[in-house]
Protein backbone atom coordinates (compact mmCIF):
# COMPACT_ATOMS: atom_id res chain seq x y z
CA MET A 1 0.00 0.00 0.00
CA ASP A 2 2.83 2.45 0.81
CA ASP A 3 4.32 1.89 -2.66
CA VAL A 4 1.06 2.84 -4.35
CA VAL A 5 0.75 6.08 -2.36
CA LEU A 6 4.39 6.94 -3.05
CA ASN A 7 3.91 6.41 -6.78
CA GLN A 8 0.80 8.62 -6.81
CA ASP A 9 2.76 11.38 -5.09
CA LEU A 10 5.59 11.06 -7.61
CA ASP A 11 3.19 11.34 -10.55
CA ILE A 12 2.42 14.92 -9.48
CA PHE A 13 6.03 15.86 -10.18
CA ARG A 14 6.33 14.20 -13.58
CA ALA A 15 4.30 16.98 -15.26
CA PHE A 16 5.40 16.74 -18.90
CA GLU A 17 8.40 16.39 -21.14
CA LEU A 18 9.28 19.17 -23.51
CA ALA A 19 11.89 19.07 -26.25
CA ILE A 20 13.43 22.52 -26.48
CA GLY A 21 15.49 23.66 -29.44
CA LEU A 22 18.68 25.64 -29.00
CA GLN A 23 17.03 28.99 -29.79
CA LEU A 24 14.44 28.60 -27.02
CA LEU A 25 17.16 28.06 -24.41
CA ASP A 26 18.00 31.80 -24.52
CA MET A 27 21.71 31.08 -24.10
CA SER A 28 24.28 33.86 -23.84
CA TYR A 29 27.30 34.73 -21.71
CA ARG A 30 26.62 33.02 -18.38
CA HIS A 31 22.88 33.13 -18.92
CA SER A 32 20.10 30.75 -19.93
CA ARG A 33 16.35 30.51 -19.47
CA PHE A 34 17.02 28.19 -16.54
CA ARG A 35 18.74 30.95 -14.53
CA SER A 36 16.67 33.96 -15.55
CA THR A 37 14.29 33.76 -12.59
CA ARG A 38 17.13 33.20 -10.13
CA ARG A 39 18.82 36.58 -10.51
CA ILE A 40 19.85 37.89 -7.09
CA GLN A 41 18.35 41.23 -6.11
CA PHE A 42 19.91 43.71 -3.69
CA ASP A 43 18.28 45.82 -0.97
CA GLU A 44 18.56 49.62 -0.69
CA HIS A 45 21.88 49.23 1.20
CA GLY A 46 23.40 46.99 -1.48
CA TYR A 47 23.04 43.82 0.56
CA PRO A 48 22.04 40.68 -1.41
CA LEU A 49 18.55 39.29 -1.03
CA VAL A 50 18.16 35.57 -1.55
CA ALA A 51 15.91 34.47 -4.42
CA PRO A 52 12.62 32.91 -3.22
CA ARG A 53 12.70 29.14 -2.77
CA HIS A 54 10.14 26.94 -4.48
CA LEU A 55 9.02 23.37 -3.95
CA ILE A 56 11.06 22.22 -6.95
CA GLU A 57 14.09 24.29 -7.79
CA PRO A 58 14.59 25.10 -10.64
CA PRO A 59 11.09 24.73 -12.13
CA GLU A 60 12.59 23.15 -15.26
CA ILE A 61 15.15 20.37 -15.09
CA ILE A 62 17.31 19.19 -17.99
CA MET A 63 16.87 15.44 -18.21
CA GLN A 64 18.59 14.74 -21.50
CA LEU A 65 21.03 16.65 -23.65
CA GLY A 66 22.27 16.04 -27.16
CA VAL A 67 25.87 17.05 -27.85
CA ARG A 68 27.69 16.93 -31.17
CA LEU A 69 31.34 15.95 -30.70
CA HIS A 70 34.21 15.63 -33.13
CA ARG A 71 37.25 13.39 -33.08
CA GLU A 72 40.58 14.82 -32.00
CA ASP A 73 44.01 13.41 -31.37
CA PRO A 74 44.11 12.28 -27.69
CA GLN A 75 47.65 13.62 -27.22
CA GLN A 76 46.61 17.04 -28.53
CA LEU A 77 43.58 17.06 -26.20
CA ARG A 78 45.81 16.23 -23.20
CA SER A 79 48.09 19.10 -24.16
CA ILE A 80 45.16 21.55 -24.35
CA ILE A 81 43.82 20.34 -20.98
CA ASP A 82 47.27 20.76 -19.41
CA GLN A 83 47.48 24.32 -20.75
CA TYR A 84 44.09 25.18 -19.23
CA LYS A 85 45.08 23.63 -15.88
CA HIS A 86 48.37 25.55 -15.84
CA HIS A 87 46.63 28.84 -16.67
CA ARG A 88 44.00 28.29 -13.95
CA LYS A 89 46.68 27.41 -11.37
CA LYS A 90 48.61 30.57 -12.24
CA THR A 91 45.64 32.99 -12.28
CA GLN A 92 43.15 31.64 -9.71
CA PRO A 93 43.54 31.43 -5.93
CA PRO A 94 44.43 28.09 -4.33
CA GLN A 95 42.12 28.64 -1.33
CA GLN A 96 38.52 27.46 -1.18
CA SER A 97 36.16 29.68 -3.14
CA ALA A 98 32.96 29.52 -5.13
CA GLY A 99 34.76 30.60 -8.30
CA SER A 100 34.16 33.90 -10.07
CA VAL A 101 31.74 35.95 -7.98
CA PHE A 102 30.57 38.47 -10.61
CA LYS A 103 29.84 38.24 -14.32
CA ASN A 104 32.13 40.31 -16.49
CA PRO A 105 30.36 43.51 -17.57
CA ALA A 106 30.30 44.25 -21.31
CA GLY A 107 33.74 45.34 -22.49
CA ASP A 108 35.50 44.91 -19.16
CA TYR A 109 36.40 42.43 -16.43
CA ALA A 110 34.87 42.31 -12.96
CA GLY A 111 38.22 41.37 -11.40
CA ARG A 112 39.94 44.37 -12.98
CA LEU A 113 37.26 46.75 -11.70
CA ILE A 114 37.38 45.31 -8.16
CA GLU A 115 41.18 45.50 -8.14
CA ALA A 116 41.16 49.08 -9.50
CA ALA A 117 38.73 49.99 -6.70
CA GLY A 118 41.44 48.95 -4.23
CA LEU A 119 39.65 45.92 -2.80
CA LYS A 120 42.21 43.13 -3.27
CA GLY A 121 42.87 41.60 0.14
CA MET A 122 39.86 43.23 1.84
CA ALA A 123 38.45 40.90 4.51
CA SER A 124 35.25 40.34 6.41
CA GLY A 125 35.71 37.76 9.12
CA LYS A 126 37.37 34.75 7.51
CA ALA A 127 36.37 35.69 3.95
CA ARG A 128 38.76 37.71 1.82
CA ILE A 129 38.85 39.18 -1.68
CA SER A 130 41.68 37.21 -3.25
CA GLU A 131 45.08 38.82 -3.73
CA ARG A 132 45.63 36.69 -6.83
CA HIS A 133 42.34 37.44 -8.63
CA ALA A 134 39.96 40.08 -7.29
CA ASN A 135 36.82 38.40 -8.68
CA PHE A 136 37.27 35.53 -6.19
CA ILE A 137 36.23 35.63 -2.55
CA VAL A 138 38.23 33.01 -0.67
CA ASN A 139 37.59 31.25 2.60
CA VAL A 140 40.69 31.51 4.77
CA GLY A 141 39.24 29.23 7.43
CA GLY A 142 35.69 29.28 8.76
CA ALA A 143 34.11 32.11 6.75
CA SER A 144 30.36 32.55 7.15
CA ALA A 145 27.76 33.35 4.51
CA ALA A 146 27.43 36.78 6.17
CA ASN A 147 31.18 37.40 5.68
CA VAL A 148 30.91 36.61 1.97
CA ALA A 149 27.71 38.67 1.54
CA THR A 150 29.41 41.67 3.17
CA LEU A 151 32.30 41.52 0.67
CA ILE A 152 29.89 41.10 -2.25
CA SER A 153 27.97 44.16 -1.10
CA GLU A 154 31.12 46.27 -0.63
CA ALA A 155 32.61 45.28 -4.01
CA ARG A 156 29.37 46.13 -5.85
CA LYS A 157 29.05 49.47 -4.03
CA ARG A 158 32.64 50.59 -4.61
CA VAL A 159 32.69 49.58 -8.28
CA ARG A 160 29.36 51.35 -8.85
CA ASP A 161 30.53 54.49 -7.00
CA ILE A 162 33.92 54.70 -8.74
CA PHE A 163 33.17 53.39 -12.25
CA GLY A 164 29.38 53.60 -12.57
CA VAL A 165 29.21 49.86 -13.35
CA GLU A 166 26.61 47.55 -11.78
CA LEU A 167 28.23 44.18 -11.12
CA GLU A 168 25.87 41.22 -11.49
CA LEU A 169 26.39 38.06 -9.45
CA GLU A 170 27.53 34.95 -11.24
CA VAL A 171 27.32 32.71 -8.18
CA GLU A 172 24.08 31.61 -6.58
CA LEU A 173 23.89 32.45 -2.91
CA ARG A 174 23.20 29.78 -0.30
CA GLY A 175 23.19 30.06 3.47
CA GLU A 176 21.61 32.40 5.95
CA TRP A 177 22.86 35.79 7.02
CA GLU A 178 21.96 39.15 8.37
CA ALA A 179 23.59 42.44 7.39
CA LEU A 180 26.80 42.97 9.35
């Protein structure tokens, strides 16, 4: 009997399958239709507000994907991969991070703007704007979500005040915090 009830409950979530062509995906630089409703908003003080949570998140889930590949020499592929790894090791911080925090604005780089605003090395608790790449916030040991949110808020504010550029988050925020 439990199995039957469980299956009925699951049927509610099956909804329908939809084949979507490439054009309907609305793909562009770090954007797709799957992220459009998840854009982080900021309050009047520049502090990030978490996107509302829904029963199923996101409302659309990719279940199958078709990819067209081409053959390449395995040795050449290993060489390309090694070059990417070397570049990443040289330009990105070794500490724990969530990757690039902000999307690059048109015609510029978020890391360059944050660095030019004098924020490299700025800390809040155990979170710090990386000395190696200013578009990374690193955890130097026990950083809280509030520490990270404070640095996000300060970077956006300073870049907007100095350069007139609104930085948009690339990362999705998780955790709980209050303004510090």
